[in-house]
Amino acid sequence: MKGANRVNIKPGLRVLIVLKKDQRTGKLTEGIVKGILTKSSTHHHGIKVRLESGEIGRIKEMLG
């Protein structure tokens, strides 16, 4: 999964993330990466990011 590797994530990238409140349902939120919050190079649940909208979640899909 490309969203699990920090090296693949850059600000400006369009992604689908799962918000903390949506983890049970798996509902995805689309947005553009503003910043990367995960410090490690990989994370098995996805790299945590902040979107330009201010929402925070883990990347599940990268749209380009």
Protein backbone atom coordinates (compact mmCIF):
# COMPACT_ATOMS: atom_id res chain seq x y z
CA MET A 1 0.00 0.00 0.00
CA LYS A 2 1.60 3.27 -1.14
CA GLY A 3 -0.21 5.30 1.56
CA ALA A 4 1.77 3.41 4.20
CA ASN A 5 5.15 4.81 3.08
CA ARG A 6 6.02 8.37 4.09
CA VAL A 7 8.40 8.82 1.13
CA ASN A 8 5.42 8.66 -1.28
CA ILE A 9 3.50 11.50 0.43
CA LYS A 10 4.01 15.16 -0.52
CA PRO A 11 2.03 18.32 0.28
CA GLY A 12 -0.41 19.06 -2.54
CA LEU A 13 -1.17 15.38 -3.15
CA ARG A 14 -4.89 14.48 -3.50
CA VAL A 15 -5.74 11.59 -1.17
CA LEU A 16 -8.52 9.65 0.50
CA ILE A 17 -8.16 9.43 4.28
CA VAL A 18 -10.12 7.83 7.08
CA LEU A 19 -10.87 10.21 9.95
CA LYS A 20 -10.63 8.98 13.56
CA LYS A 21 -14.41 9.23 13.96
CA ASP A 22 -14.93 7.14 10.79
CA GLN A 23 -12.53 4.29 11.61
CA ARG A 24 -15.38 1.91 12.51
CA THR A 25 -17.33 2.54 9.30
CA GLY A 26 -14.31 3.01 7.02
CA LYS A 27 -15.88 6.13 5.44
CA LEU A 28 -13.26 7.95 3.35
CA THR A 29 -12.74 11.70 3.09
CA GLU A 30 -11.10 13.25 0.03
CA GLY A 31 -8.72 16.16 0.30
CA ILE A 32 -5.33 17.66 -0.43
CA VAL A 33 -2.36 17.03 1.90
CA LYS A 34 -1.19 20.11 3.77
CA GLY A 35 1.24 18.41 6.13
CA ILE A 36 2.55 15.00 7.20
CA LEU A 37 2.09 14.14 10.89
CA THR A 38 3.60 10.63 11.05
CA LYS A 39 7.31 10.81 11.91
CA SER A 40 8.25 7.21 11.05
CA SER A 41 8.97 6.17 7.46
CA THR A 42 6.09 3.66 7.37
CA HIS A 43 2.89 2.91 9.27
CA HIS A 44 0.77 -0.19 8.76
CA HIS A 45 -2.53 1.75 9.10
CA GLY A 46 -1.40 4.52 6.75
CA ILE A 47 0.55 7.75 7.16
CA LYS A 48 -1.29 10.35 9.24
CA VAL A 49 -1.73 13.69 7.47
CA ARG A 50 -3.47 17.04 7.86
CA LEU A 51 -5.55 18.11 4.88
CA GLU A 52 -5.87 21.71 3.65
CA SER A 53 -9.39 21.62 5.16
CA GLY A 54 -7.80 21.03 8.61
CA GLU A 55 -9.06 17.45 8.90
CA ILE A 56 -6.63 14.82 10.19
CA GLY A 57 -6.59 11.15 9.27
CA ARG A 58 -4.66 8.24 7.85
CA ILE A 59 -4.16 7.84 4.10
CA LYS A 60 -6.01 4.90 2.57
CA GLU A 61 -5.64 5.85 -1.12
CA MET A 62 -3.61 8.28 -3.16
CA LEU A 63 -5.42 9.90 -6.10
CA GLY A 64 -2.53 11.88 -7.53
